[in-house]
């Protein structure tokens, strides 16, 4: 508004040199046109920071890296990384517009958009997938998924990535959860119960996958690197926010890509920064990240595909919608295409 006011001319009433006034007016007009162009292109200059809500899961660490290394700023967008560990609290903050972007698993985004109090979301960027960091451990005599029928299996039931993955794996083998004697436990507790010999199998994650292999009776029956693209985290925004700040969201995507590339090219420096985000020692982060695959440009384009030739993201999103609806965890079944926007890649 101050710049526009100056374009209107001098209001002091003092004597003005006509030649100088003409030159000044030209300068003001140029500045005014630049300002208008600046505003029309949707630049983030002077705009509110975009707040991204996430847990301290290491798959989200490149977002922190992009913030700390100035990759977002270089793109011309101000981003704040907001840590909210609980998915339910993250969803509440998203609903109240306290955060504008939400990082979580694909199946959780489905739950968000079809909950009792639905919040529309559009996934715009795939962040990472579990690439061996999750899996199922079992007694050595259980050699295939179908051998689990009638066995005691510990897993986190009711919702979440582990539950979604278990149901996916069972479906791929012509089975249902009712074929198992399932016991509801958090992933870490399930792994601990298996290592203690209390259950026949468990859906868990590291370090329990490794600990199970160290027992005389256990092995990893299936790990998530054998089901790529199923346990995936993505970044989503509300459709109305994308309409208002779409240009800035595209800059966030570009900043993520730069962070992923930097992490691959400079692992020692990057891991030290990202370990601060997860609260680990750099060497711990370096070890654990082997179970995760960060998604760069190629991975995203392959995973999203196009509306005409959809990628695996459409399949996983729809599978989550079908499963949650079948289990009566959501009241309406959304279409995958309504939760995906690949135009920002």
C-alpha atoms as a PDB file:
ATOM      1  CA  UNK A   1       0.000   0.000   0.000  1.00  0.00           C
ATOM      2  CA  UNK A   2       2.878   2.390   0.724  1.00  0.00           C
ATOM      3  CA  UNK A   3       4.349   1.784  -2.721  1.00  0.00           C
ATOM      4  CA  UNK A   4       0.972   2.345  -4.372  1.00  0.00           C
ATOM      5  CA  UNK A   5       0.579   5.571  -2.439  1.00  0.00           C
ATOM      6  CA  UNK A   6       3.963   6.814  -3.699  1.00  0.00           C
ATOM      7  CA  UNK A   7       2.903   6.125  -7.266  1.00  0.00           C
ATOM      8  CA  UNK A   8       0.064   8.644  -6.835  1.00  0.00           C
ATOM      9  CA  UNK A   9       2.551  11.496  -6.580  1.00  0.00           C
ATOM     10  CA  UNK A  10       4.043  14.049  -4.207  1.00  0.00           C
ATOM     11  CA  UNK A  11       1.611  15.473  -1.641  1.00  0.00           C
ATOM     12  CA  UNK A  12       3.954  17.862   0.187  1.00  0.00           C
ATOM     13  CA  UNK A  13       3.008  20.955  -1.863  1.00  0.00           C
ATOM     14  CA  UNK A  14       6.694  21.876  -2.446  1.00  0.00           C
ATOM     15  CA  UNK A  15       8.112  23.186  -5.750  1.00  0.00           C
ATOM     16  CA  UNK A  16       8.945  20.342  -8.171  1.00  0.00           C
ATOM     17  CA  UNK A  17      11.381  20.297 -11.101  1.00  0.00           C
ATOM     18  CA  UNK A  18       9.209  19.095 -14.050  1.00  0.00           C
ATOM     19  CA  UNK A  19      12.111  17.179 -15.671  1.00  0.00           C
ATOM     20  CA  UNK A  20      13.061  15.489 -12.425  1.00  0.00           C
ATOM     21  CA  UNK A  21       9.400  14.822 -11.669  1.00  0.00           C
ATOM     22  CA  UNK A  22       9.017  13.068 -15.025  1.00  0.00           C
ATOM     23  CA  UNK A  23      12.033  10.876 -14.351  1.00  0.00           C
ATOM     24  CA  UNK A  24      10.811  10.098 -10.835  1.00  0.00           C
ATOM     25  CA  UNK A  25       7.377   9.236 -12.163  1.00  0.00           C
ATOM     26  CA  UNK A  26       8.906   6.780 -14.650  1.00  0.00           C
ATOM     27  CA  UNK A  27      10.849   5.147 -11.831  1.00  0.00           C
ATOM     28  CA  UNK A  28       7.700   4.915  -9.743  1.00  0.00           C
ATOM     29  CA  UNK A  29       5.745   3.389 -12.584  1.00  0.00           C
ATOM     30  CA  UNK A  30       8.480   0.805 -13.148  1.00  0.00           C
ATOM     31  CA  UNK A  31       8.533  -0.021  -9.439  1.00  0.00           C
ATOM     32  CA  UNK A  32       4.751  -0.183  -9.410  1.00  0.00           C
ATOM     33  CA  UNK A  33       4.684  -2.573 -12.352  1.00  0.00           C
ATOM     34  CA  UNK A  34       7.319  -4.749 -10.683  1.00  0.00           C
ATOM     35  CA  UNK A  35       5.241  -4.876  -7.508  1.00  0.00           C
ATOM     36  CA  UNK A  36       2.099  -5.837  -9.423  1.00  0.00           C
ATOM     37  CA  UNK A  37       3.984  -8.527 -11.337  1.00  0.00           C
ATOM     38  CA  UNK A  38       5.480  -9.749  -8.071  1.00  0.00           C
ATOM     39  CA  UNK A  39       2.028 -10.109  -6.533  1.00  0.00           C
ATOM     40  CA  UNK A  40       0.525 -11.762  -9.601  1.00  0.00           C
ATOM     41  CA  UNK A  41       3.196 -14.466  -9.656  1.00  0.00           C
ATOM     42  CA  UNK A  42       2.216 -15.512  -6.144  1.00  0.00           C
ATOM     43  CA  UNK A  43       5.582 -14.875  -4.552  1.00  0.00           C
ATOM     44  CA  UNK A  44       5.935 -15.692  -0.863  1.00  0.00           C
ATOM     45  CA  UNK A  45       7.699 -12.399  -0.098  1.00  0.00           C
ATOM     46  CA  UNK A  46       5.914 -10.879   2.870  1.00  0.00           C
ATOM     47  CA  UNK A  47       3.482 -13.821   3.013  1.00  0.00           C
ATOM     48  CA  UNK A  48       2.805 -15.849   6.121  1.00  0.00           C
ATOM     49  CA  UNK A  49       5.256 -18.731   6.702  1.00  0.00           C
ATOM     50  CA  UNK A  50       3.929 -22.110   5.650  1.00  0.00           C
ATOM     51  CA  UNK A  51       3.856 -24.439   8.640  1.00  0.00           C
ATOM     52  CA  UNK A  52       4.453 -28.130   8.000  1.00  0.00           C
ATOM     53  CA  UNK A  53       3.345 -30.515  10.750  1.00  0.00           C
ATOM     54  CA  UNK A  54       5.120 -33.837  11.257  1.00  0.00           C
ATOM     55  CA  UNK A  55       6.514 -36.286  13.791  1.00  0.00           C
ATOM     56  CA  UNK A  56      10.248 -36.828  14.292  1.00  0.00           C
ATOM     57  CA  UNK A  57      10.163 -39.910  12.052  1.00  0.00           C
ATOM     58  CA  UNK A  58      13.430 -40.010  10.103  1.00  0.00           C
ATOM     59  CA  UNK A  59      11.552 -40.151   6.791  1.00  0.00           C
ATOM     60  CA  UNK A  60      10.602 -36.509   7.309  1.00  0.00           C
ATOM     61  CA  UNK A  61      14.146 -35.417   8.176  1.00  0.00           C
ATOM     62  CA  UNK A  62      14.933 -33.966   4.707  1.00  0.00           C
ATOM     63  CA  UNK A  63      12.237 -31.342   5.348  1.00  0.00           C
ATOM     64  CA  UNK A  64      14.254 -30.246   8.381  1.00  0.00           C
ATOM     65  CA  UNK A  65      17.440 -30.419   6.307  1.00  0.00           C
ATOM     66  CA  UNK A  66      15.883 -28.180   3.633  1.00  0.00           C
ATOM     67  CA  UNK A  67      14.938 -25.661   6.322  1.00  0.00           C
ATOM     68  CA  UNK A  68      18.361 -25.689   8.014  1.00  0.00           C
ATOM     69  CA  UNK A  69      20.369 -25.516   4.772  1.00  0.00           C
ATOM     70  CA  UNK A  70      18.234 -22.681   3.422  1.00  0.00           C
ATOM     71  CA  UNK A  71      16.884 -24.630   0.448  1.00  0.00           C
ATOM     72  CA  UNK A  72      13.354 -23.341   1.041  1.00  0.00           C
ATOM     73  CA  UNK A  73      14.578 -19.766   1.457  1.00  0.00           C
ATOM     74  CA  UNK A  74      16.571 -20.065  -1.742  1.00  0.00           C
ATOM     75  CA  UNK A  75      13.369 -20.974  -3.533  1.00  0.00           C
ATOM     76  CA  UNK A  76      11.676 -17.900  -2.066  1.00  0.00           C
ATOM     77  CA  UNK A  77       9.355 -19.451   0.493  1.00  0.00           C
ATOM     78  CA  UNK A  78       9.449 -19.303   4.290  1.00  0.00           C
ATOM     79  CA  UNK A  79       8.740 -22.638   5.953  1.00  0.00           C
ATOM     80  CA  UNK A  80       8.398 -23.636   9.590  1.00  0.00           C
ATOM     81  CA  UNK A  81       8.838 -27.255  10.660  1.00  0.00           C
ATOM     82  CA  UNK A  82       6.321 -27.989  13.426  1.00  0.00           C
ATOM     83  CA  UNK A  83       6.817 -31.225  15.366  1.00  0.00           C
ATOM     84  CA  UNK A  84       3.547 -32.853  16.468  1.00  0.00           C
ATOM     85  CA  UNK A  85       4.186 -36.476  17.357  1.00  0.00           C
ATOM     86  CA  UNK A  86       0.593 -37.703  17.656  1.00  0.00           C
ATOM     87  CA  UNK A  87      -1.242 -38.243  14.331  1.00  0.00           C
ATOM     88  CA  UNK A  88      -4.518 -37.271  16.029  1.00  0.00           C
ATOM     89  CA  UNK A  89      -3.034 -34.017  17.340  1.00  0.00           C
ATOM     90  CA  UNK A  90      -1.505 -33.351  13.918  1.00  0.00           C
ATOM     91  CA  UNK A  91      -4.895 -33.831  12.296  1.00  0.00           C
ATOM     92  CA  UNK A  92      -6.522 -31.468  14.808  1.00  0.00           C
ATOM     93  CA  UNK A  93      -3.890 -28.796  14.115  1.00  0.00           C
ATOM     94  CA  UNK A  94      -4.436 -29.277  10.381  1.00  0.00           C
ATOM     95  CA  UNK A  95      -8.200 -28.924  10.777  1.00  0.00           C
ATOM     96  CA  UNK A  96      -7.737 -25.696  12.755  1.00  0.00           C
ATOM     97  CA  UNK A  97      -5.269 -24.274  10.184  1.00  0.00           C
ATOM     98  CA  UNK A  98      -2.510 -24.115  12.796  1.00  0.00           C
ATOM     99  CA  UNK A  99      -0.447 -26.015  10.248  1.00  0.00           C
ATOM    100  CA  UNK A 100      -0.966 -25.804   6.507  1.00  0.00           C
ATOM    101  CA  UNK A 101       0.857 -28.944   5.388  1.00  0.00           C
ATOM    102  CA  UNK A 102       0.704 -32.365   7.019  1.00  0.00           C
ATOM    103  CA  UNK A 103       3.208 -35.183   6.627  1.00  0.00           C
ATOM    104  CA  UNK A 104       1.906 -38.658   7.416  1.00  0.00           C
ATOM    105  CA  UNK A 105       1.266 -42.025   5.800  1.00  0.00           C
ATOM    106  CA  UNK A 106      -0.953 -42.370   2.741  1.00  0.00           C
ATOM    107  CA  UNK A 107      -3.500 -44.472   4.627  1.00  0.00           C
ATOM    108  CA  UNK A 108      -3.740 -41.807   7.345  1.00  0.00           C
ATOM    109  CA  UNK A 109      -4.487 -39.121   4.744  1.00  0.00           C
ATOM    110  CA  UNK A 110      -7.376 -41.314   3.603  1.00  0.00           C
ATOM    111  CA  UNK A 111      -8.617 -41.529   7.176  1.00  0.00           C
ATOM    112  CA  UNK A 112      -8.398 -37.747   7.486  1.00  0.00           C
ATOM    113  CA  UNK A 113     -10.437 -37.020   4.386  1.00  0.00           C
ATOM    114  CA  UNK A 114     -13.160 -39.548   5.229  1.00  0.00           C
ATOM    115  CA  UNK A 115     -13.352 -39.205   9.012  1.00  0.00           C
ATOM    116  CA  UNK A 116     -16.550 -38.373  10.894  1.00  0.00           C
ATOM    117  CA  UNK A 117     -15.463 -34.744  10.640  1.00  0.00           C
ATOM    118  CA  UNK A 118     -13.810 -34.899   7.209  1.00  0.00           C
ATOM    119  CA  UNK A 119     -10.920 -32.656   6.198  1.00  0.00           C
ATOM    120  CA  UNK A 120     -10.240 -32.520   2.448  1.00  0.00           C
ATOM    121  CA  UNK A 121      -6.610 -33.221   1.560  1.00  0.00           C
ATOM    122  CA  UNK A 122      -4.501 -33.358  -1.583  1.00  0.00           C
ATOM    123  CA  UNK A 123      -1.256 -35.329  -1.562  1.00  0.00           C
ATOM    124  CA  UNK A 124       1.300 -33.329  -3.539  1.00  0.00           C
ATOM    125  CA  UNK A 125       4.616 -35.011  -2.719  1.00  0.00           C
ATOM    126  CA  UNK A 126       5.751 -38.509  -1.734  1.00  0.00           C
ATOM    127  CA  UNK A 127       8.436 -38.223   0.953  1.00  0.00           C
ATOM    128  CA  UNK A 128       9.699 -41.717   1.726  1.00  0.00           C
ATOM    129  CA  UNK A 129       8.797 -45.347   1.909  1.00  0.00           C
ATOM    130  CA  UNK A 130       9.697 -48.126   4.303  1.00  0.00           C
ATOM    131  CA  UNK A 131      12.440 -50.070   2.568  1.00  0.00           C
ATOM    132  CA  UNK A 132      13.167 -52.848   5.007  1.00  0.00           C
ATOM    133  CA  UNK A 133      12.581 -50.854   8.194  1.00  0.00           C
ATOM    134  CA  UNK A 134       9.253 -52.621   8.855  1.00  0.00           C
ATOM    135  CA  UNK A 135       8.353 -56.259   8.525  1.00  0.00           C
ATOM    136  CA  UNK A 136       6.981 -59.450   9.960  1.00  0.00           C
ATOM    137  CA  UNK A 137       9.015 -61.828  12.094  1.00  0.00           C
ATOM    138  CA  UNK A 138       7.987 -65.430  12.680  1.00  0.00           C
ATOM    139  CA  UNK A 139       9.127 -68.757  14.029  1.00  0.00           C
ATOM    140  CA  UNK A 140      11.374 -70.610  11.589  1.00  0.00           C
ATOM    141  CA  UNK A 141       8.794 -73.313  10.896  1.00  0.00           C
ATOM    142  CA  UNK A 142       6.534 -70.583   9.461  1.00  0.00           C
ATOM    143  CA  UNK A 143       8.038 -70.269   5.992  1.00  0.00           C
ATOM    144  CA  UNK A 144       5.277 -68.441   4.085  1.00  0.00           C
ATOM    145  CA  UNK A 145       2.478 -65.983   4.804  1.00  0.00           C
ATOM    146  CA  UNK A 146      -0.129 -68.703   4.315  1.00  0.00           C
ATOM    147  CA  UNK A 147       1.518 -70.662   7.141  1.00  0.00           C
ATOM    148  CA  UNK A 148       0.274 -67.964   9.519  1.00  0.00           C
ATOM    149  CA  UNK A 149      -3.270 -69.322   9.406  1.00  0.00           C
ATOM    150  CA  UNK A 150      -4.400 -70.082  12.941  1.00  0.00           C
ATOM    151  CA  UNK A 151      -1.169 -68.721  14.424  1.00  0.00           C
ATOM    152  CA  UNK A 152      -0.830 -66.093  17.157  1.00  0.00           C
ATOM    153  CA  UNK A 153       0.294 -62.853  15.512  1.00  0.00           C
ATOM    154  CA  UNK A 154       1.014 -59.659  17.456  1.00  0.00           C
ATOM    155  CA  UNK A 155       0.404 -56.390  15.578  1.00  0.00           C
ATOM    156  CA  UNK A 156      -0.975 -52.921  16.083  1.00  0.00           C
ATOM    157  CA  UNK A 157      -4.632 -53.270  15.121  1.00  0.00           C
ATOM    158  CA  UNK A 158      -7.386 -50.796  14.360  1.00  0.00           C
ATOM    159  CA  UNK A 159      -5.529 -48.273  12.169  1.00  0.00           C
ATOM    160  CA  UNK A 160      -2.079 -47.086  11.191  1.00  0.00           C
ATOM    161  CA  UNK A 161       0.621 -48.069   8.735  1.00  0.00           C
ATOM    162  CA  UNK A 162       1.437 -51.443  10.348  1.00  0.00           C
ATOM    163  CA  UNK A 163      -2.220 -52.474  10.320  1.00  0.00           C
ATOM    164  CA  UNK A 164      -2.633 -51.335   6.723  1.00  0.00           C
ATOM    165  CA  UNK A 165       0.511 -53.210   5.649  1.00  0.00           C
ATOM    166  CA  UNK A 166      -0.566 -56.412   7.427  1.00  0.00           C
ATOM    167  CA  UNK A 167      -3.964 -56.364   5.714  1.00  0.00           C
ATOM    168  CA  UNK A 168      -2.321 -55.655   2.356  1.00  0.00           C
ATOM    169  CA  UNK A 169       0.080 -58.581   2.733  1.00  0.00           C
ATOM    170  CA  UNK A 170      -2.704 -60.924   3.794  1.00  0.00           C
ATOM    171  CA  UNK A 171      -4.882 -59.876   0.843  1.00  0.00           C
ATOM    172  CA  UNK A 172      -2.000 -60.498  -1.543  1.00  0.00           C
ATOM    173  CA  UNK A 173      -1.961 -64.063  -0.265  1.00  0.00           C
ATOM    174  CA  UNK A 174      -5.716 -64.633  -0.353  1.00  0.00           C
ATOM    175  CA  UNK A 175      -6.119 -64.261   3.411  1.00  0.00           C
ATOM    176  CA  UNK A 176      -7.908 -62.034   5.912  1.00  0.00           C
ATOM    177  CA  UNK A 177      -7.161 -60.889   9.428  1.00  0.00           C
ATOM    178  CA  UNK A 178      -9.767 -63.352  10.721  1.00  0.00           C
ATOM    179  CA  UNK A 179      -7.506 -66.186   9.527  1.00  0.00           C
ATOM    180  CA  UNK A 180      -5.076 -65.244  12.306  1.00  0.00           C
ATOM    181  CA  UNK A 181      -5.221 -65.209  16.092  1.00  0.00           C
ATOM    182  CA  UNK A 182      -4.353 -61.523  16.138  1.00  0.00           C
ATOM    183  CA  UNK A 183      -3.289 -59.755  19.324  1.00  0.00           C
ATOM    184  CA  UNK A 184      -3.322 -55.962  19.470  1.00  0.00           C
ATOM    185  CA  UNK A 185       0.092 -54.554  20.456  1.00  0.00           C
ATOM    186  CA  UNK A 186       2.141 -51.543  19.470  1.00  0.00           C
ATOM    187  CA  UNK A 187       4.862 -52.388  16.969  1.00  0.00           C
ATOM    188  CA  UNK A 188       7.707 -52.226  19.480  1.00  0.00           C
ATOM    189  CA  UNK A 189       5.805 -54.295  22.042  1.00  0.00           C
ATOM    190  CA  UNK A 190       4.930 -56.848  19.353  1.00  0.00           C
ATOM    191  CA  UNK A 191       8.594 -57.289  18.485  1.00  0.00           C
ATOM    192  CA  UNK A 192       9.514 -57.625  22.139  1.00  0.00           C
ATOM    193  CA  UNK A 193       6.790 -60.248  22.671  1.00  0.00           C
ATOM    194  CA  UNK A 194       8.106 -62.306  19.757  1.00  0.00           C
ATOM    195  CA  UNK A 195      11.708 -62.198  20.949  1.00  0.00           C
ATOM    196  CA  UNK A 196      10.453 -63.330  24.382  1.00  0.00           C
ATOM    197  CA  UNK A 197       8.779 -66.327  22.716  1.00  0.00           C
ATOM    198  CA  UNK A 198       5.230 -65.257  23.620  1.00  0.00           C
ATOM    199  CA  UNK A 199       3.751 -65.211  20.086  1.00  0.00           C
ATOM    200  CA  UNK A 200       4.249 -67.090  16.832  1.00  0.00           C
ATOM    201  CA  UNK A 201       4.774 -63.975  14.713  1.00  0.00           C
ATOM    202  CA  UNK A 202       4.749 -60.208  14.942  1.00  0.00           C
ATOM    203  CA  UNK A 203       4.488 -57.133  12.733  1.00  0.00           C
ATOM    204  CA  UNK A 204       7.208 -54.812  13.971  1.00  0.00           C
ATOM    205  CA  UNK A 205      10.171 -52.652  12.968  1.00  0.00           C
ATOM    206  CA  UNK A 206      13.824 -52.163  13.703  1.00  0.00           C
ATOM    207  CA  UNK A 207      15.605 -52.940  15.947  1.00  0.00           C
ATOM    208  CA  UNK A 208      13.216 -55.848  16.561  1.00  0.00           C
ATOM    209  CA  UNK A 209      13.650 -57.283  13.084  1.00  0.00           C
ATOM    210  CA  UNK A 210      17.363 -57.683  13.757  1.00  0.00           C
ATOM    211  CA  UNK A 211      16.773 -58.953  17.288  1.00  0.00           C
ATOM    212  CA  UNK A 212      14.377 -61.601  15.983  1.00  0.00           C
ATOM    213  CA  UNK A 213      17.052 -62.889  13.599  1.00  0.00           C
ATOM    214  CA  UNK A 214      19.445 -63.213  16.533  1.00  0.00           C
ATOM    215  CA  UNK A 215      17.126 -65.618  18.368  1.00  0.00           C
ATOM    216  CA  UNK A 216      17.584 -69.370  17.783  1.00  0.00           C
ATOM    217  CA  UNK A 217      13.926 -69.727  16.757  1.00  0.00           C
ATOM    218  CA  UNK A 218      13.088 -66.636  14.689  1.00  0.00           C
ATOM    219  CA  UNK A 219      13.549 -65.125  11.238  1.00  0.00           C
ATOM    220  CA  UNK A 220      12.194 -62.247   9.158  1.00  0.00           C
ATOM    221  CA  UNK A 221       9.287 -63.708   7.222  1.00  0.00           C
ATOM    222  CA  UNK A 222       8.737 -60.583   5.117  1.00  0.00           C
ATOM    223  CA  UNK A 223      10.237 -57.095   5.166  1.00  0.00           C
ATOM    224  CA  UNK A 224       8.885 -53.908   3.641  1.00  0.00           C
ATOM    225  CA  UNK A 225      11.569 -53.744   0.946  1.00  0.00           C
ATOM    226  CA  UNK A 226       9.672 -56.621  -0.689  1.00  0.00           C
ATOM    227  CA  UNK A 227       6.534 -54.442  -0.832  1.00  0.00           C
ATOM    228  CA  UNK A 228       7.886 -51.121  -2.174  1.00  0.00           C
ATOM    229  CA  UNK A 229       5.505 -48.177  -2.274  1.00  0.00           C
ATOM    230  CA  UNK A 230       3.025 -49.594   0.252  1.00  0.00           C
ATOM    231  CA  UNK A 231       4.145 -47.990   3.525  1.00  0.00           C
ATOM    232  CA  UNK A 232       4.652 -44.477   2.196  1.00  0.00           C
ATOM    233  CA  UNK A 233       4.661 -41.026   3.754  1.00  0.00           C
ATOM    234  CA  UNK A 234       3.383 -38.087   1.766  1.00  0.00           C
ATOM    235  CA  UNK A 235       2.906 -34.352   2.205  1.00  0.00           C
ATOM    236  CA  UNK A 236      -0.616 -33.005   1.803  1.00  0.00           C
ATOM    237  CA  UNK A 237      -2.428 -29.665   1.909  1.00  0.00           C
ATOM    238  CA  UNK A 238      -6.049 -28.580   1.824  1.00  0.00           C
ATOM    239  CA  UNK A 239      -7.340 -27.856  -1.695  1.00  0.00           C
ATOM    240  CA  UNK A 240      -8.251 -24.249  -0.847  1.00  0.00           C
ATOM    241  CA  UNK A 241      -4.719 -23.610   0.429  1.00  0.00           C
ATOM    242  CA  UNK A 242      -3.280 -24.991  -2.804  1.00  0.00           C
ATOM    243  CA  UNK A 243      -5.474 -22.558  -4.707  1.00  0.00           C
ATOM    244  CA  UNK A 244      -4.106 -19.645  -2.677  1.00  0.00           C
ATOM    245  CA  UNK A 245      -0.458 -20.611  -2.273  1.00  0.00           C
ATOM    246  CA  UNK A 246       0.143 -23.153  -5.016  1.00  0.00           C
ATOM    247  CA  UNK A 247       3.236 -21.346  -6.302  1.00  0.00           C
ATOM    248  CA  UNK A 248       4.795 -21.556  -2.845  1.00  0.00           C
ATOM    249  CA  UNK A 249       3.907 -25.230  -2.468  1.00  0.00           C
ATOM    250  CA  UNK A 250       5.759 -25.865  -5.708  1.00  0.00           C
ATOM    251  CA  UNK A 251       8.779 -24.140  -4.130  1.00  0.00           C
ATOM    252  CA  UNK A 252       8.510 -26.423  -1.096  1.00  0.00           C
ATOM    253  CA  UNK A 253       8.607 -29.428  -3.425  1.00  0.00           C
ATOM    254  CA  UNK A 254      11.716 -28.001  -5.131  1.00  0.00           C
ATOM    255  CA  UNK A 255      13.350 -27.468  -1.718  1.00  0.00           C
ATOM    256  CA  UNK A 256      12.617 -31.083  -0.776  1.00  0.00           C
ATOM    257  CA  UNK A 257      14.194 -32.340  -3.979  1.00  0.00           C
ATOM    258  CA  UNK A 258      17.329 -30.309  -3.298  1.00  0.00           C
ATOM    259  CA  UNK A 259      17.512 -31.689   0.246  1.00  0.00           C
ATOM    260  CA  UNK A 260      17.200 -35.291  -0.956  1.00  0.00           C
ATOM    261  CA  UNK A 261      19.968 -34.746  -3.498  1.00  0.00           C
ATOM    262  CA  UNK A 262      22.165 -32.997  -0.936  1.00  0.00           C
ATOM    263  CA  UNK A 263      21.676 -35.894   1.494  1.00  0.00           C
ATOM    264  CA  UNK A 264      22.757 -38.368  -1.184  1.00  0.00           C
ATOM    265  CA  UNK A 265      25.799 -36.323  -2.242  1.00  0.00           C
ATOM    266  CA  UNK A 266      26.894 -35.217   1.248  1.00  0.00           C
ATOM    267  CA  UNK A 267      25.768 -37.982   3.619  1.00  0.00           C
ATOM    268  CA  UNK A 268      28.061 -37.145   6.530  1.00  0.00           C
ATOM    269  CA  UNK A 269      27.018 -33.493   6.763  1.00  0.00           C
ATOM    270  CA  UNK A 270      23.382 -34.215   5.993  1.00  0.00           C
ATOM    271  CA  UNK A 271      23.074 -37.070   8.493  1.00  0.00           C
ATOM    272  CA  UNK A 272      24.543 -34.893  11.255  1.00  0.00           C
ATOM    273  CA  UNK A 273      21.886 -32.240  10.604  1.00  0.00           C
ATOM    274  CA  UNK A 274      18.993 -34.673  10.233  1.00  0.00           C
ATOM    275  CA  UNK A 275      20.020 -36.558  13.385  1.00  0.00           C
ATOM    276  CA  UNK A 276      19.261 -33.369  15.348  1.00  0.00           C
ATOM    277  CA  UNK A 277      15.702 -33.561  14.059  1.00  0.00           C
ATOM    278  CA  UNK A 278      15.216 -37.187  15.115  1.00  0.00           C
ATOM    279  CA  UNK A 279      17.096 -36.782  18.399  1.00  0.00           C
ATOM    280  CA  UNK A 280      19.729 -39.371  17.498  1.00  0.00           C
ATOM    281  CA  UNK A 281      23.469 -39.534  17.225  1.00  0.00           C
ATOM    282  CA  UNK A 282      24.635 -39.133  13.608  1.00  0.00           C
ATOM    283  CA  UNK A 283      25.884 -42.722  13.486  1.00  0.00           C
ATOM    284  CA  UNK A 284      22.498 -43.985  14.732  1.00  0.00           C
ATOM    285  CA  UNK A 285      20.695 -42.005  12.063  1.00  0.00           C
ATOM    286  CA  UNK A 286      23.062 -43.296   9.379  1.00  0.00           C
ATOM    287  CA  UNK A 287      22.385 -46.890  10.407  1.00  0.00           C
ATOM    288  CA  UNK A 288      18.608 -46.576  10.625  1.00  0.00           C
ATOM    289  CA  UNK A 289      18.137 -44.663   7.376  1.00  0.00           C
ATOM    290  CA  UNK A 290      19.083 -47.822   5.450  1.00  0.00           C
ATOM    291  CA  UNK A 291      15.544 -49.034   6.123  1.00  0.00           C
ATOM    292  CA  UNK A 292      14.027 -45.975   4.448  1.00  0.00           C
ATOM    293  CA  UNK A 293      14.072 -44.709   0.877  1.00  0.00           C
ATOM    294  CA  UNK A 294      13.692 -40.976   0.265  1.00  0.00           C
ATOM    295  CA  UNK A 295      11.705 -40.009  -2.833  1.00  0.00           C
ATOM    296  CA  UNK A 296      13.368 -37.632  -5.271  1.00  0.00           C
ATOM    297  CA  UNK A 297      12.141 -36.359  -8.628  1.00  0.00           C
ATOM    298  CA  UNK A 298      12.119 -39.701 -10.473  1.00  0.00           C
ATOM    299  CA  UNK A 299      10.559 -41.660  -7.612  1.00  0.00           C
ATOM    300  CA  UNK A 300       7.780 -39.091  -7.284  1.00  0.00           C
ATOM    301  CA  UNK A 301       6.977 -38.986 -10.976  1.00  0.00           C
ATOM    302  CA  UNK A 302       6.891 -42.774 -11.135  1.00  0.00           C
ATOM    303  CA  UNK A 303       4.809 -43.075  -7.945  1.00  0.00           C
ATOM    304  CA  UNK A 304       2.259 -40.417  -8.919  1.00  0.00           C
ATOM    305  CA  UNK A 305       2.089 -41.240 -12.598  1.00  0.00           C
ATOM    306  CA  UNK A 306      -0.555 -39.167 -14.363  1.00  0.00           C
ATOM    307  CA  UNK A 307      -4.366 -39.029 -14.205  1.00  0.00           C
ATOM    308  CA  UNK A 308      -4.339 -40.809 -17.577  1.00  0.00           C
ATOM    309  CA  UNK A 309      -1.769 -43.395 -16.465  1.00  0.00           C
ATOM    310  CA  UNK A 310      -1.931 -43.484 -12.649  1.00  0.00           C
ATOM    311  CA  UNK A 311       1.052 -44.616 -10.605  1.00  0.00           C
ATOM    312  CA  UNK A 312       1.128 -46.855  -7.547  1.00  0.00           C
ATOM    313  CA  UNK A 313       0.016 -43.977  -5.277  1.00  0.00           C
ATOM    314  CA  UNK A 314      -3.488 -44.221  -6.745  1.00  0.00           C
ATOM    315  CA  UNK A 315      -3.590 -47.971  -6.041  1.00  0.00           C
ATOM    316  CA  UNK A 316      -2.358 -47.616  -2.458  1.00  0.00           C
ATOM    317  CA  UNK A 317      -4.694 -44.706  -1.719  1.00  0.00           C
ATOM    318  CA  UNK A 318      -7.701 -46.592  -3.086  1.00  0.00           C
ATOM    319  CA  UNK A 319      -6.703 -49.775  -1.267  1.00  0.00           C
ATOM    320  CA  UNK A 320      -6.609 -47.802   1.987  1.00  0.00           C
ATOM    321  CA  UNK A 321     -10.029 -46.314   1.249  1.00  0.00           C
ATOM    322  CA  UNK A 322     -11.457 -49.767   0.485  1.00  0.00           C
ATOM    323  CA  UNK A 323      -9.932 -51.331   3.601  1.00  0.00           C
ATOM    324  CA  UNK A 324     -10.900 -48.611   6.067  1.00  0.00           C
ATOM    325  CA  UNK A 325     -14.443 -48.603   4.645  1.00  0.00           C
ATOM    326  CA  UNK A 326     -14.685 -52.394   4.829  1.00  0.00           C
ATOM    327  CA  UNK A 327     -13.549 -52.291   8.461  1.00  0.00           C
ATOM    328  CA  UNK A 328     -16.055 -49.483   9.175  1.00  0.00           C
ATOM    329  CA  UNK A 329     -13.297 -47.109  10.275  1.00  0.00           C
ATOM    330  CA  UNK A 330     -14.632 -44.518   7.821  1.00  0.00           C
ATOM    331  CA  UNK A 331     -18.246 -43.828   6.864  1.00  0.00           C
ATOM    332  CA  UNK A 332     -17.689 -42.860   3.241  1.00  0.00           C
ATOM    333  CA  UNK A 333     -15.258 -44.256   0.684  1.00  0.00           C
ATOM    334  CA  UNK A 334     -13.324 -41.528  -1.154  1.00  0.00           C
ATOM    335  CA  UNK A 335     -11.952 -41.825  -4.676  1.00  0.00           C
ATOM    336  CA  UNK A 336      -8.160 -41.940  -4.827  1.00  0.00           C
ATOM    337  CA  UNK A 337      -8.065 -39.323  -7.583  1.00  0.00           C
ATOM    338  CA  UNK A 338      -9.728 -36.805  -5.242  1.00  0.00           C
ATOM    339  CA  UNK A 339      -6.814 -37.097  -2.778  1.00  0.00           C
ATOM    340  CA  UNK A 340      -3.969 -36.686  -5.261  1.00  0.00           C
ATOM    341  CA  UNK A 341      -2.547 -33.716  -7.163  1.00  0.00           C
ATOM    342  CA  UNK A 342       0.656 -34.387  -9.070  1.00  0.00           C
ATOM    343  CA  UNK A 343       0.806 -30.967 -10.707  1.00  0.00           C
ATOM    344  CA  UNK A 344       3.356 -29.667  -8.169  1.00  0.00           C
ATOM    345  CA  UNK A 345       6.042 -32.231  -8.971  1.00  0.00           C
END
